[in-house]
Amino acid sequence: ERAKALLRRGDLTVTEVCMAVGCTSLGSFSSRFTEMVGETPSAYRARSHEESAAIPACVAKRLTRPTRHRIRTAEPGEAS
């Protein structure tokens, strides 16, 4: 959330944001950010965020958090 907030400001580079949130590896930061947010830090920084400004952070986090869907198949002899 802190990295997203700093990137939304637009006055810091991705490297500066990486260091500001305590990461020492830009590659690891970018990979983890992309995994969590669904887009690269550069792409996130570049797009407009005005439409999400009114959404509280706790709600935005819940709505934008990636989910993993597990598909459970029925075992033989088990009702679906």
Protein backbone atom coordinates (compact mmCIF):
# COMPACT_ATOMS: atom_id res chain seq x y z
CA GLU A 1 0.00 0.00 0.00
CA ARG A 2 2.84 2.39 0.82
CA ALA A 3 4.53 1.72 -2.53
CA LYS A 4 1.24 2.27 -4.35
CA ALA A 5 0.70 5.57 -2.54
CA LEU A 6 4.20 6.78 -3.40
CA LEU A 7 3.82 5.75 -7.04
CA ARG A 8 0.45 7.54 -7.28
CA ARG A 9 2.13 10.79 -6.21
CA GLY A 10 4.20 10.64 -9.39
CA ASP A 11 7.16 12.68 -8.10
CA LEU A 12 9.38 9.68 -7.29
CA THR A 13 10.96 7.18 -9.66
CA VAL A 14 10.24 3.48 -9.25
CA THR A 15 13.78 3.05 -7.87
CA GLU A 16 13.20 5.78 -5.28
CA VAL A 17 9.92 4.15 -4.23
CA CYS A 18 11.68 0.78 -4.00
CA MET A 19 14.25 2.22 -1.60
CA ALA A 20 11.64 4.24 0.34
CA VAL A 21 9.70 1.10 1.24
CA GLY A 22 12.82 -0.71 2.40
CA CYS A 23 13.65 -2.90 -0.58
CA THR A 24 17.24 -3.13 -1.77
CA SER A 25 16.59 -5.00 -5.01
CA LEU A 26 14.64 -3.25 -7.75
CA GLY A 27 14.05 -6.57 -9.51
CA SER A 28 12.57 -8.21 -6.42
CA PHE A 29 10.46 -5.13 -5.68
CA SER A 30 9.12 -5.03 -9.25
CA SER A 31 8.35 -8.75 -9.29
CA ARG A 32 6.56 -8.68 -5.94
CA PHE A 33 4.66 -5.49 -6.79
CA THR A 34 3.50 -7.00 -10.09
CA GLU A 35 2.43 -10.19 -8.31
CA MET A 36 0.45 -8.27 -5.68
CA VAL A 37 -1.04 -5.49 -7.81
CA GLY A 38 -1.35 -7.10 -11.23
CA GLU A 39 0.74 -4.58 -13.15
CA THR A 40 4.31 -3.33 -13.11
CA PRO A 41 5.28 -0.42 -10.88
CA SER A 42 6.02 1.69 -13.97
CA ALA A 43 2.61 0.97 -15.50
CA TYR A 44 0.90 1.67 -12.17
CA ARG A 45 2.75 4.98 -11.82
CA ALA A 46 1.94 6.02 -15.41
CA ARG A 47 -1.82 5.56 -15.34
CA SER A 48 -4.37 7.96 -13.88
CA HIS A 49 -5.48 7.27 -10.31
CA GLU A 50 -8.07 10.01 -9.88
CA GLU A 51 -11.00 7.58 -10.01
CA SER A 52 -9.63 5.59 -7.06
CA ALA A 53 -8.81 8.63 -4.90
CA ALA A 54 -12.23 8.57 -3.18
CA ILE A 55 -12.06 4.86 -2.31
CA PRO A 56 -10.74 4.18 1.21
CA ALA A 57 -7.48 2.20 1.19
CA CYS A 58 -9.01 -0.71 3.12
CA VAL A 59 -11.75 -1.10 0.51
CA ALA A 60 -9.39 -0.65 -2.43
CA LYS A 61 -7.07 -3.29 -0.99
CA ARG A 62 -9.91 -5.80 -0.72
CA LEU A 63 -11.26 -5.08 -4.20
CA THR A 64 -7.92 -5.07 -6.02
CA ARG A 65 -6.18 -7.91 -4.20
CA PRO A 66 -5.34 -10.81 -6.50
CA THR A 67 -7.06 -14.08 -5.67
CA ARG A 68 -6.16 -17.64 -6.42
CA HIS A 69 -9.07 -19.78 -7.50
CA ARG A 70 -8.85 -23.45 -6.75
CA ILE A 71 -11.04 -25.73 -8.77
CA ARG A 72 -12.00 -28.75 -6.75
CA THR A 73 -13.00 -31.79 -8.69
CA ALA A 74 -15.25 -34.44 -7.21
CA GLU A 75 -13.63 -37.69 -6.18
CA PRO A 76 -14.99 -40.87 -7.77
CA GLY A 77 -18.24 -41.79 -6.04
CA GLU A 78 -18.65 -38.31 -4.57
CA ALA A 79 -21.65 -36.13 -5.44
CA SER A 80 -20.81 -32.85 -7.14
